[in-house]
Amino acid sequence: MKTCSLQESSVLENNLNIEACCKNALDSFKENTQKKAMWKQHLKRIVHNWRTRSRLNSLSDAQMKDLGLTSSDIYNETNKALWK
């Protein structure tokens, strides 16, 4: 069995430190990417809710009747928080 010199063990230690550092950086990057994707989905939902509720709010009485909705149904839906 070969024994490592001080210099060789130092190189091995540095390689392990670099490896651990790279792994931590990669884990952090993956976590940030997942958070960004989650926020992106959340913002898409908010925009979708805003658009559909704006259109719902602009329906005429005849259109509401065709859909089977009342003005109170539309009021309740359009006054919800956008993220709900």
Protein backbone atom coordinates (compact mmCIF):
# COMPACT_ATOMS: atom_id res chain seq x y z
CA MET A 1 0.00 0.00 0.00
CA LYS A 2 1.35 3.39 -1.00
CA THR A 3 1.46 6.16 1.57
CA CYS A 4 0.66 9.69 0.53
CA SER A 5 3.13 12.45 0.95
CA LEU A 6 2.05 15.67 2.61
CA GLN A 7 1.79 17.37 -0.79
CA GLU A 8 -0.29 14.53 -2.27
CA SER A 9 -2.66 14.49 0.69
CA SER A 10 -3.01 18.26 0.43
CA VAL A 11 -3.95 17.92 -3.27
CA LEU A 12 -6.51 15.23 -2.40
CA GLU A 13 -7.96 17.40 0.35
CA ASN A 14 -8.24 20.36 -2.03
CA ASN A 15 -9.96 18.17 -4.62
CA LEU A 16 -12.48 17.04 -2.01
CA ASN A 17 -13.09 20.64 -0.95
CA ILE A 18 -13.57 21.71 -4.57
CA GLU A 19 -15.89 18.76 -5.15
CA ALA A 20 -17.98 19.66 -2.09
CA CYS A 21 -18.06 23.31 -3.12
CA CYS A 22 -19.22 22.41 -6.64
CA LYS A 23 -21.89 20.09 -5.25
CA ASN A 24 -23.16 22.83 -2.93
CA ALA A 25 -23.23 25.34 -5.78
CA LEU A 26 -25.12 22.90 -8.00
CA ASP A 27 -27.64 22.15 -5.24
CA SER A 28 -28.16 25.86 -4.67
CA PHE A 29 -28.63 26.45 -8.40
CA LYS A 30 -31.23 23.66 -8.61
CA GLU A 31 -33.08 25.08 -5.61
CA ASN A 32 -33.10 28.59 -7.11
CA THR A 33 -34.32 27.23 -10.44
CA GLN A 34 -37.19 25.44 -8.70
CA LYS A 35 -38.11 28.61 -6.78
CA LYS A 36 -38.10 30.64 -10.01
CA ALA A 37 -40.34 28.07 -11.69
CA MET A 38 -42.73 28.19 -8.73
CA TRP A 39 -42.92 32.01 -8.86
CA LYS A 40 -43.39 31.93 -12.61
CA GLN A 41 -46.37 29.56 -12.24
CA HIS A 42 -47.78 31.74 -9.47
CA LEU A 43 -47.54 34.88 -11.62
CA LYS A 44 -49.11 33.09 -14.58
CA ARG A 45 -52.07 32.14 -12.39
CA ILE A 46 -52.47 35.76 -11.22
CA VAL A 47 -52.43 37.08 -14.79
CA HIS A 48 -54.91 34.40 -15.89
CA ASN A 49 -57.26 35.26 -13.01
CA TRP A 50 -57.02 38.97 -13.75
CA ARG A 51 -57.83 38.48 -17.45
CA THR A 52 -60.72 36.07 -16.97
CA ARG A 53 -62.27 38.09 -14.14
CA SER A 54 -61.99 41.30 -16.17
CA ARG A 55 -63.81 39.63 -19.05
CA LEU A 56 -66.38 38.17 -16.69
CA ASN A 57 -66.98 41.61 -15.22
CA SER A 58 -67.69 43.06 -18.66
CA LEU A 59 -70.47 40.62 -19.59
CA SER A 60 -73.88 42.00 -20.49
CA ASP A 61 -77.05 40.84 -18.76
CA ALA A 62 -77.95 38.67 -21.76
CA GLN A 63 -74.53 37.01 -21.74
CA MET A 64 -74.77 36.37 -17.99
CA LYS A 65 -78.19 34.79 -18.52
CA ASP A 66 -76.80 32.58 -21.32
CA LEU A 67 -74.09 31.33 -18.97
CA GLY A 68 -76.51 30.85 -16.08
CA LEU A 69 -74.77 33.42 -13.90
CA THR A 70 -76.19 36.17 -11.76
CA SER A 71 -74.65 39.54 -11.03
CA SER A 72 -73.94 38.39 -7.47
CA ASP A 73 -72.03 35.35 -8.83
CA ILE A 74 -69.89 37.67 -10.92
CA TYR A 75 -69.45 40.10 -8.04
CA ASN A 76 -68.26 37.29 -5.74
CA GLU A 77 -65.80 35.98 -8.33
CA THR A 78 -64.38 39.34 -9.41
CA ASN A 79 -63.81 40.51 -5.84
CA LYS A 80 -61.63 37.57 -4.88
CA ALA A 81 -57.92 38.12 -4.42
CA LEU A 82 -56.07 37.58 -7.71
CA TRP A 83 -53.95 34.74 -6.32
CA LYS A 84 -57.03 32.71 -5.35
